[in-house]
Amino acid sequence: MKPIADTESPPQTILTVDDQPANLRVLIDCLERKGLHVLVALSGEEALERANFVLPDLILLDVHMPGLDGFATCRQLKTNPLTQRIPVIFMTGATETRDKLAGFAAGGVDYVTKPISEPEVLARIDTHLSVSALRRQLEIKNAQLERSNVELKQLAIERAVRA
């Protein structure tokens, strides 16, 4: 697996969404030290706009925000064909099992509790970025196999017609 900051590739983009600037500052510092490109949104509405425009590699999303909360934001991301495959990691102080289950039901891939542990959030980001990269590679390979199958079937038909 590639480490978070692969020097051969452009930096991966993380959209961090939180209505508390102090929380954002901690995350930005942590992520930028790891060589990640960080974008910021202060609300769910702003996160939807930025995600649709930039298509980040991963989204760190606060749950409790005024207006559109994190769960509603994630549900909207997952209904949009452009953003539905972007992994979303929820961040919140809510530690109840029902809160975590609500996050997964909304489409999140992971859930970290505040205060954020830097090594934990980096490990989770690395894991989900790696899974996403492997999924994309698998989709490419599957498309190549499908094309090869079509070509082989066409070749078999042509041979049968000639025989």
N, C-alpha and C. Protein backbone atom coordinates (compact mmCIF):
# COMPACT_ATOMS: atom_id res chain seq x y z
N MET A 1 0.83 -1.18 0.00
CA MET A 1 0.00 0.00 0.00
C MET A 1 0.88 1.25 0.00
N LYS A 2 0.39 2.28 -0.68
CA LYS A 2 1.10 3.56 -0.69
C LYS A 2 0.86 4.26 0.64
N PRO A 3 1.88 4.92 1.16
CA PRO A 3 1.65 5.74 2.35
C PRO A 3 0.80 6.94 2.00
N ILE A 4 0.29 7.62 3.02
CA ILE A 4 -0.58 8.77 2.79
C ILE A 4 0.04 9.74 1.79
N ALA A 5 1.26 10.14 2.00
CA ALA A 5 1.89 11.13 1.12
C ALA A 5 2.85 10.40 0.18
N ASP A 6 2.38 10.02 -0.97
CA ASP A 6 3.19 9.37 -1.99
C ASP A 6 3.86 10.47 -2.80
N THR A 7 5.19 10.52 -2.76
CA THR A 7 5.90 11.62 -3.40
C THR A 7 5.85 11.55 -4.92
N GLU A 8 5.47 10.40 -5.50
CA GLU A 8 5.40 10.27 -6.95
C GLU A 8 4.06 10.76 -7.51
N SER A 9 3.07 10.91 -6.70
CA SER A 9 1.74 11.33 -7.12
C SER A 9 1.44 12.70 -6.55
N PRO A 10 0.47 13.41 -7.18
CA PRO A 10 0.06 14.67 -6.56
C PRO A 10 -0.55 14.39 -5.20
N PRO A 11 -0.50 15.35 -4.29
CA PRO A 11 -1.04 15.10 -2.96
C PRO A 11 -2.54 14.80 -3.03
N GLN A 12 -2.95 13.90 -2.17
CA GLN A 12 -4.38 13.57 -2.10
C GLN A 12 -5.10 14.69 -1.38
N THR A 13 -6.35 14.89 -1.77
CA THR A 13 -7.13 16.01 -1.25
C THR A 13 -8.14 15.53 -0.23
N ILE A 14 -8.11 16.17 0.93
CA ILE A 14 -9.03 15.87 2.02
C ILE A 14 -9.88 17.11 2.26
N LEU A 15 -11.20 16.93 2.20
CA LEU A 15 -12.12 18.02 2.55
C LEU A 15 -12.48 17.84 4.01
N THR A 16 -12.16 18.84 4.82
CA THR A 16 -12.50 18.81 6.25
C THR A 16 -13.66 19.75 6.48
N VAL A 17 -14.67 19.24 7.17
CA VAL A 17 -15.90 20.01 7.37
C VAL A 17 -16.19 20.09 8.85
N ASP A 18 -16.18 21.30 9.37
CA ASP A 18 -16.47 21.52 10.79
C ASP A 18 -16.84 22.99 10.95
N ASP A 19 -17.80 23.25 11.81
CA ASP A 19 -18.22 24.63 12.04
C ASP A 19 -17.37 25.32 13.10
N GLN A 20 -16.41 24.61 13.69
CA GLN A 20 -15.54 25.17 14.72
C GLN A 20 -14.13 25.39 14.15
N PRO A 21 -13.75 26.65 13.92
CA PRO A 21 -12.42 26.93 13.36
C PRO A 21 -11.26 26.31 14.15
N ALA A 22 -11.37 26.20 15.46
CA ALA A 22 -10.28 25.61 16.26
C ALA A 22 -10.09 24.14 15.89
N ASN A 23 -11.20 23.42 15.69
CA ASN A 23 -11.11 22.01 15.28
C ASN A 23 -10.46 21.90 13.90
N LEU A 24 -10.84 22.79 13.02
CA LEU A 24 -10.27 22.78 11.67
C LEU A 24 -8.77 23.03 11.70
N ARG A 25 -8.34 23.96 12.52
CA ARG A 25 -6.91 24.30 12.58
C ARG A 25 -6.09 23.07 12.99
N VAL A 26 -6.56 22.31 13.98
CA VAL A 26 -5.86 21.12 14.43
C VAL A 26 -5.77 20.11 13.29
N LEU A 27 -6.87 19.89 12.59
CA LEU A 27 -6.88 18.93 11.49
C LEU A 27 -6.01 19.38 10.32
N ILE A 28 -6.11 20.65 9.98
CA ILE A 28 -5.31 21.18 8.86
C ILE A 28 -3.82 20.98 9.15
N ASP A 29 -3.39 21.34 10.35
CA ASP A 29 -1.97 21.19 10.70
C ASP A 29 -1.54 19.73 10.61
N CYS A 30 -2.34 18.86 11.15
CA CYS A 30 -2.04 17.42 11.16
C CYS A 30 -1.95 16.87 9.73
N LEU A 31 -2.92 17.19 8.90
CA LEU A 31 -2.98 16.65 7.55
C LEU A 31 -1.91 17.24 6.64
N GLU A 32 -1.67 18.53 6.77
CA GLU A 32 -0.65 19.15 5.94
C GLU A 32 0.75 18.65 6.28
N ARG A 33 1.00 18.35 7.56
CA ARG A 33 2.30 17.77 7.95
C ARG A 33 2.52 16.43 7.26
N LYS A 34 1.45 15.74 6.92
CA LYS A 34 1.55 14.45 6.24
C LYS A 34 1.55 14.58 4.72
N GLY A 35 1.58 15.82 4.23
CA GLY A 35 1.68 16.05 2.79
C GLY A 35 0.35 15.98 2.05
N LEU A 36 -0.73 16.08 2.76
CA LEU A 36 -2.05 16.05 2.13
C LEU A 36 -2.48 17.46 1.77
N HIS A 37 -3.26 17.58 0.71
CA HIS A 37 -3.85 18.85 0.33
C HIS A 37 -5.17 18.96 1.07
N VAL A 38 -5.39 20.03 1.80
CA VAL A 38 -6.56 20.17 2.66
C VAL A 38 -7.45 21.30 2.17
N LEU A 39 -8.73 20.98 2.03
CA LEU A 39 -9.76 21.99 1.76
C LEU A 39 -10.65 22.07 2.98
N VAL A 40 -11.30 23.20 3.16
CA VAL A 40 -12.11 23.44 4.34
C VAL A 40 -13.51 23.87 3.95
N ALA A 41 -14.48 23.38 4.71
CA ALA A 41 -15.86 23.87 4.61
C ALA A 41 -16.36 24.05 6.03
N LEU A 42 -17.13 25.12 6.24
CA LEU A 42 -17.63 25.44 7.58
C LEU A 42 -19.07 24.99 7.80
N SER A 43 -19.69 24.40 6.79
CA SER A 43 -21.08 23.95 6.92
C SER A 43 -21.34 22.79 5.96
N GLY A 44 -22.44 22.12 6.18
CA GLY A 44 -22.83 21.03 5.29
C GLY A 44 -23.09 21.53 3.88
N GLU A 45 -23.75 22.66 3.77
CA GLU A 45 -24.05 23.23 2.46
C GLU A 45 -22.77 23.55 1.69
N GLU A 46 -21.82 24.16 2.38
CA GLU A 46 -20.54 24.50 1.75
C GLU A 46 -19.78 23.22 1.38
N ALA A 47 -19.88 22.19 2.21
CA ALA A 47 -19.22 20.92 1.91
C ALA A 47 -19.77 20.30 0.63
N LEU A 48 -21.08 20.36 0.44
CA LEU A 48 -21.68 19.80 -0.77
C LEU A 48 -21.16 20.53 -2.01
N GLU A 49 -21.10 21.85 -1.94
CA GLU A 49 -20.60 22.63 -3.08
C GLU A 49 -19.15 22.30 -3.39
N ARG A 50 -18.31 22.28 -2.35
CA ARG A 50 -16.89 22.03 -2.57
C ARG A 50 -16.65 20.60 -3.07
N ALA A 51 -17.34 19.65 -2.47
CA ALA A 51 -17.16 18.25 -2.88
C ALA A 51 -17.55 18.05 -4.33
N ASN A 52 -18.63 18.67 -4.73
CA ASN A 52 -19.11 18.54 -6.11
C ASN A 52 -18.14 19.19 -7.10
N PHE A 53 -17.50 20.26 -6.69
CA PHE A 53 -16.59 20.99 -7.57
C PHE A 53 -15.20 20.35 -7.62
N VAL A 54 -14.67 19.96 -6.45
CA VAL A 54 -13.29 19.49 -6.35
C VAL A 54 -13.17 17.96 -6.45
N LEU A 55 -14.18 17.24 -5.99
CA LEU A 55 -14.13 15.77 -5.90
C LEU A 55 -12.92 15.32 -5.09
N PRO A 56 -12.94 15.61 -3.78
CA PRO A 56 -11.80 15.23 -2.93
C PRO A 56 -11.66 13.71 -2.84
N ASP A 57 -10.51 13.28 -2.38
CA ASP A 57 -10.25 11.85 -2.22
C ASP A 57 -10.95 11.29 -0.98
N LEU A 58 -11.20 12.15 0.01
CA LEU A 58 -11.83 11.73 1.26
C LEU A 58 -12.42 12.96 1.94
N ILE A 59 -13.47 12.74 2.73
CA ILE A 59 -14.09 13.84 3.48
C ILE A 59 -14.10 13.49 4.96
N LEU A 60 -13.59 14.42 5.78
CA LEU A 60 -13.72 14.35 7.24
C LEU A 60 -14.88 15.27 7.59
N LEU A 61 -15.93 14.71 8.17
CA LEU A 61 -17.19 15.45 8.31
C LEU A 61 -17.68 15.46 9.75
N ASP A 62 -17.78 16.66 10.32
CA ASP A 62 -18.35 16.83 11.65
C ASP A 62 -19.83 16.47 11.59
N VAL A 63 -20.34 15.88 12.64
CA VAL A 63 -21.76 15.50 12.68
C VAL A 63 -22.64 16.66 13.10
N HIS A 64 -22.27 17.32 14.19
CA HIS A 64 -23.13 18.37 14.76
C HIS A 64 -22.74 19.75 14.24
N MET A 65 -23.54 20.21 13.27
CA MET A 65 -23.34 21.55 12.69
C MET A 65 -24.70 22.20 12.54
N PRO A 66 -24.75 23.53 12.63
CA PRO A 66 -26.03 24.20 12.39
C PRO A 66 -26.45 24.04 10.93
N GLY A 67 -27.72 24.10 10.68
CA GLY A 67 -28.22 23.92 9.32
C GLY A 67 -28.20 22.45 8.96
N LEU A 68 -27.53 22.13 7.89
CA LEU A 68 -27.43 20.76 7.40
C LEU A 68 -26.38 20.02 8.24
N ASP A 69 -26.83 19.05 9.06
CA ASP A 69 -25.86 18.34 9.89
C ASP A 69 -25.05 17.35 9.06
N GLY A 70 -24.07 16.72 9.68
CA GLY A 70 -23.18 15.81 8.97
C GLY A 70 -23.89 14.61 8.35
N PHE A 71 -24.85 14.03 9.07
CA PHE A 71 -25.55 12.87 8.53
C PHE A 71 -26.33 13.24 7.28
N ALA A 72 -27.04 14.37 7.32
CA ALA A 72 -27.81 14.82 6.15
C ALA A 72 -26.87 15.17 4.99
N THR A 73 -25.74 15.79 5.32
CA THR A 73 -24.76 16.12 4.29
C THR A 73 -24.26 14.85 3.61
N CYS A 74 -23.94 13.84 4.40
CA CYS A 74 -23.44 12.59 3.85
C CYS A 74 -24.50 11.92 2.97
N ARG A 75 -25.74 11.91 3.43
CA ARG A 75 -26.80 11.30 2.62
C ARG A 75 -26.91 11.99 1.26
N GLN A 76 -26.76 13.31 1.25
CA GLN A 76 -26.82 14.03 -0.04
C GLN A 76 -25.61 13.71 -0.91
N LEU A 77 -24.44 13.59 -0.29
CA LEU A 77 -23.25 13.21 -1.06
C LEU A 77 -23.43 11.85 -1.71
N LYS A 78 -24.07 10.94 -0.99
CA LYS A 78 -24.22 9.57 -1.48
C LYS A 78 -25.30 9.44 -2.55
N THR A 79 -26.17 10.43 -2.70
CA THR A 79 -27.18 10.39 -3.77
C THR A 79 -26.70 11.06 -5.05
N ASN A 80 -25.56 11.75 -4.98
CA ASN A 80 -25.00 12.44 -6.13
C ASN A 80 -24.01 11.51 -6.84
N PRO A 81 -24.24 11.17 -8.11
CA PRO A 81 -23.32 10.27 -8.81
C PRO A 81 -21.86 10.75 -8.82
N LEU A 82 -21.64 12.05 -8.77
CA LEU A 82 -20.27 12.58 -8.78
C LEU A 82 -19.55 12.35 -7.45
N THR A 83 -20.28 12.37 -6.35
CA THR A 83 -19.65 12.32 -5.03
C THR A 83 -19.95 11.04 -4.25
N GLN A 84 -20.77 10.17 -4.79
CA GLN A 84 -21.23 9.02 -4.00
C GLN A 84 -20.12 8.06 -3.58
N ARG A 85 -19.01 8.03 -4.31
CA ARG A 85 -17.94 7.09 -3.97
C ARG A 85 -16.84 7.70 -3.10
N ILE A 86 -16.97 8.97 -2.77
CA ILE A 86 -15.97 9.60 -1.90
C ILE A 86 -16.18 9.08 -0.48
N PRO A 87 -15.12 8.49 0.13
CA PRO A 87 -15.29 8.00 1.50
C PRO A 87 -15.47 9.16 2.47
N VAL A 88 -16.41 8.97 3.40
CA VAL A 88 -16.70 9.98 4.42
C VAL A 88 -16.40 9.38 5.79
N ILE A 89 -15.55 10.06 6.54
CA ILE A 89 -15.26 9.70 7.92
C ILE A 89 -15.91 10.75 8.81
N PHE A 90 -16.82 10.31 9.67
CA PHE A 90 -17.48 11.23 10.59
C PHE A 90 -16.57 11.54 11.78
N MET A 91 -16.67 12.79 12.26
CA MET A 91 -15.96 13.23 13.46
C MET A 91 -16.99 13.83 14.41
N THR A 92 -17.00 13.36 15.64
CA THR A 92 -17.96 13.90 16.59
C THR A 92 -17.59 13.53 18.01
N GLY A 93 -18.16 14.25 18.94
CA GLY A 93 -18.00 13.92 20.35
C GLY A 93 -19.00 12.87 20.81
N ALA A 94 -19.99 12.57 19.97
CA ALA A 94 -21.02 11.58 20.32
C ALA A 94 -20.43 10.18 20.24
N THR A 95 -20.47 9.47 21.35
CA THR A 95 -19.84 8.14 21.40
C THR A 95 -20.85 7.00 21.53
N GLU A 96 -22.12 7.31 21.52
CA GLU A 96 -23.15 6.27 21.65
C GLU A 96 -23.16 5.37 20.41
N THR A 97 -23.43 4.11 20.61
CA THR A 97 -23.50 3.17 19.50
C THR A 97 -24.54 3.60 18.48
N ARG A 98 -25.66 4.12 18.94
CA ARG A 98 -26.71 4.53 17.99
C ARG A 98 -26.24 5.67 17.08
N ASP A 99 -25.38 6.55 17.61
CA ASP A 99 -24.82 7.63 16.79
C ASP A 99 -23.90 7.06 15.72
N LYS A 100 -23.06 6.12 16.11
CA LYS A 100 -22.16 5.49 15.14
C LYS A 100 -22.94 4.75 14.07
N LEU A 101 -23.96 4.02 14.47
CA LEU A 101 -24.79 3.29 13.50
C LEU A 101 -25.50 4.25 12.56
N ALA A 102 -25.93 5.39 13.08
CA ALA A 102 -26.58 6.40 12.22
C ALA A 102 -25.58 6.92 11.18
N GLY A 103 -24.33 7.07 11.58
CA GLY A 103 -23.30 7.51 10.64
C GLY A 103 -23.07 6.50 9.53
N PHE A 104 -23.02 5.24 9.88
CA PHE A 104 -22.85 4.20 8.86
C PHE A 104 -24.08 4.11 7.97
N ALA A 105 -25.26 4.25 8.56
CA ALA A 105 -26.51 4.21 7.77
C ALA A 105 -26.57 5.38 6.79
N ALA A 106 -25.98 6.51 7.16
CA ALA A 106 -25.98 7.69 6.29
C ALA A 106 -24.98 7.55 5.14
N GLY A 107 -24.09 6.55 5.23
CA GLY A 107 -23.14 6.33 4.15
C GLY A 107 -21.68 6.53 4.53
N GLY A 108 -21.43 6.80 5.80
CA GLY A 108 -20.04 6.97 6.24
C GLY A 108 -19.28 5.66 6.24
N VAL A 109 -17.97 5.73 6.05
CA VAL A 109 -17.14 4.53 6.06
C VAL A 109 -16.44 4.34 7.40
N ASP A 110 -16.41 5.41 8.21
CA ASP A 110 -15.73 5.30 9.50
C ASP A 110 -16.23 6.42 10.40
N TYR A 111 -15.79 6.37 11.66
CA TYR A 111 -16.31 7.27 12.68
C TYR A 111 -15.22 7.46 13.71
N VAL A 112 -14.77 8.70 13.90
CA VAL A 112 -13.79 8.99 14.95
C VAL A 112 -14.39 9.98 15.93
N THR A 113 -14.00 9.81 17.19
CA THR A 113 -14.56 10.68 18.22
C THR A 113 -13.58 11.79 18.58
N LYS A 114 -14.16 12.90 18.97
CA LYS A 114 -13.39 14.06 19.42
C LYS A 114 -13.19 13.95 20.92
N PRO A 115 -12.09 14.44 21.44
CA PRO A 115 -11.03 15.10 20.70
C PRO A 115 -10.30 14.09 19.80
N ILE A 116 -9.93 14.57 18.63
CA ILE A 116 -9.31 13.72 17.61
C ILE A 116 -7.91 13.30 18.06
N SER A 117 -7.65 12.01 17.94
CA SER A 117 -6.31 11.48 18.16
C SER A 117 -5.61 11.50 16.80
N GLU A 118 -4.53 12.28 16.69
CA GLU A 118 -3.84 12.43 15.41
C GLU A 118 -3.40 11.09 14.81
N PRO A 119 -2.73 10.21 15.58
CA PRO A 119 -2.33 8.93 14.97
C PRO A 119 -3.53 8.09 14.51
N GLU A 120 -4.61 8.14 15.27
CA GLU A 120 -5.80 7.36 14.89
C GLU A 120 -6.43 7.89 13.61
N VAL A 121 -6.63 9.19 13.53
CA VAL A 121 -7.28 9.74 12.34
C VAL A 121 -6.40 9.55 11.11
N LEU A 122 -5.09 9.66 11.26
CA LEU A 122 -4.19 9.43 10.13
C LEU A 122 -4.23 7.97 9.67
N ALA A 123 -4.29 7.05 10.61
CA ALA A 123 -4.38 5.63 10.26
C ALA A 123 -5.68 5.33 9.53
N ARG A 124 -6.77 5.92 9.99
CA ARG A 124 -8.07 5.69 9.34
C ARG A 124 -8.09 6.31 7.95
N ILE A 125 -7.53 7.50 7.81
CA ILE A 125 -7.47 8.15 6.50
C ILE A 125 -6.65 7.29 5.55
N ASP A 126 -5.48 6.84 6.01
CA ASP A 126 -4.61 6.02 5.17
C ASP A 126 -5.33 4.76 4.72
N THR A 127 -6.03 4.12 5.64
CA THR A 127 -6.76 2.89 5.30
C THR A 127 -7.81 3.15 4.23
N HIS A 128 -8.61 4.19 4.40
CA HIS A 128 -9.70 4.44 3.46
C HIS A 128 -9.20 4.98 2.12
N LEU A 129 -8.11 5.72 2.12
CA LEU A 129 -7.52 6.15 0.85
C LEU A 129 -6.98 4.93 0.09
N SER A 130 -6.37 4.00 0.82
CA SER A 130 -5.85 2.78 0.19
C SER A 130 -6.98 1.92 -0.38
N VAL A 131 -8.05 1.77 0.39
CA VAL A 131 -9.20 0.99 -0.08
C VAL A 131 -9.80 1.64 -1.33
N SER A 132 -9.91 2.95 -1.34
CA SER A 132 -10.46 3.65 -2.51
C SER A 132 -9.58 3.45 -3.73
N ALA A 133 -8.27 3.54 -3.54
CA ALA A 133 -7.36 3.35 -4.66
C ALA A 133 -7.46 1.93 -5.21
N LEU A 134 -7.54 0.96 -4.33
CA LEU A 134 -7.69 -0.44 -4.77
C LEU A 134 -9.02 -0.66 -5.49
N ARG A 135 -10.07 -0.02 -5.00
CA ARG A 135 -11.38 -0.14 -5.66
C ARG A 135 -11.33 0.43 -7.07
N ARG A 136 -10.68 1.59 -7.22
CA ARG A 136 -10.55 2.19 -8.56
C ARG A 136 -9.74 1.29 -9.49
N GLN A 137 -8.66 0.71 -8.98
CA GLN A 137 -7.86 -0.21 -9.79
C GLN A 137 -8.69 -1.42 -10.21
N LEU A 138 -9.47 -1.95 -9.30
CA LEU A 138 -10.32 -3.09 -9.61
C LEU A 138 -11.37 -2.74 -10.67
N GLU A 139 -11.95 -1.56 -10.56
CA GLU A 139 -12.93 -1.12 -11.57
C GLU A 139 -12.29 -1.01 -12.95
N ILE A 140 -11.06 -0.51 -13.01
CA ILE A 140 -10.35 -0.41 -14.29
C ILE A 140 -10.09 -1.80 -14.85
N LYS A 141 -9.60 -2.69 -14.02
CA LYS A 141 -9.33 -4.07 -14.47
C LYS A 141 -10.61 -4.76 -14.93
N ASN A 142 -11.71 -4.56 -14.21
CA ASN A 142 -12.98 -5.16 -14.62
C ASN A 142 -13.43 -4.63 -15.97
N ALA A 143 -13.27 -3.33 -16.19
CA ALA A 143 -13.65 -2.75 -17.48
C ALA A 143 -12.78 -3.32 -18.60
N GLN A 144 -11.49 -3.51 -18.33
CA GLN A 144 -10.61 -4.11 -19.33
C GLN A 144 -11.03 -5.55 -19.63
N LEU A 145 -11.38 -6.31 -18.60
CA LEU A 145 -11.83 -7.69 -18.80
C LEU A 145 -13.13 -7.75 -19.60
N GLU A 146 -14.04 -6.83 -19.31
CA GLU A 146 -15.30 -6.79 -20.06
C GLU A 146 -15.04 -6.50 -21.54
N ARG A 147 -14.15 -5.55 -21.82
CA ARG A 147 -13.80 -5.26 -23.22
C ARG A 147 -13.16 -6.48 -23.89
N SER A 148 -12.28 -7.16 -23.18
CA SER A 148 -11.64 -8.35 -23.73
C SER A 148 -12.66 -9.44 -24.01
N ASN A 149 -13.63 -9.60 -23.11
CA ASN A 149 -14.68 -10.60 -23.33
C ASN A 149 -15.51 -10.28 -24.57
N VAL A 150 -15.85 -9.01 -24.75
CA VAL A 150 -16.61 -8.60 -25.93
C VAL A 150 -15.80 -8.89 -27.19
N GLU A 151 -14.51 -8.56 -27.16
CA GLU A 151 -13.65 -8.80 -28.32
C GLU A 151 -13.53 -10.30 -28.62
N LEU A 152 -13.39 -11.12 -27.59
CA LEU A 152 -13.28 -12.57 -27.79
C LEU A 152 -14.58 -13.15 -28.35
N LYS A 153 -15.70 -12.68 -27.84
CA LYS A 153 -16.99 -13.15 -28.36
C LYS A 153 -17.15 -12.76 -29.83
N GLN A 154 -16.77 -11.53 -30.15
CA GLN A 154 -16.85 -11.07 -31.54
C GLN A 154 -15.95 -11.90 -32.43
N LEU A 155 -14.76 -12.20 -31.96
CA LEU A 155 -13.81 -13.03 -32.72
C LEU A 155 -14.37 -14.43 -32.92
N ALA A 156 -14.99 -14.99 -31.89
CA ALA A 156 -15.57 -16.33 -32.00
C ALA A 156 -16.72 -16.33 -33.02
N ILE A 157 -17.53 -15.29 -33.03
CA ILE A 157 -18.63 -15.18 -34.00
C ILE A 157 -18.06 -15.09 -35.41
N GLU A 158 -17.05 -14.26 -35.60
CA GLU A 158 -16.43 -14.12 -36.92
C GLU A 158 -15.86 -15.44 -37.42
N ARG A 159 -15.21 -16.19 -36.53
CA ARG A 159 -14.65 -17.48 -36.90
C ARG A 159 -15.74 -18.48 -37.25
N ALA A 160 -16.83 -18.44 -36.49
CA ALA A 160 -17.94 -19.37 -36.75
C ALA A 160 -18.58 -19.07 -38.09
N VAL A 161 -18.69 -17.79 -38.45
CA VAL A 161 -19.29 -17.40 -39.73
C VAL A 161 -18.39 -17.85 -40.89
N ARG A 162 -17.07 -17.73 -40.71
CA ARG A 162 -16.12 -18.15 -41.75
C ARG A 162 -16.06 -19.65 -41.93
N ALA A 163 -16.35 -20.40 -40.90
CA ALA A 163 -16.21 -21.86 -40.97
C ALA A 163 -17.32 -22.54 -41.77
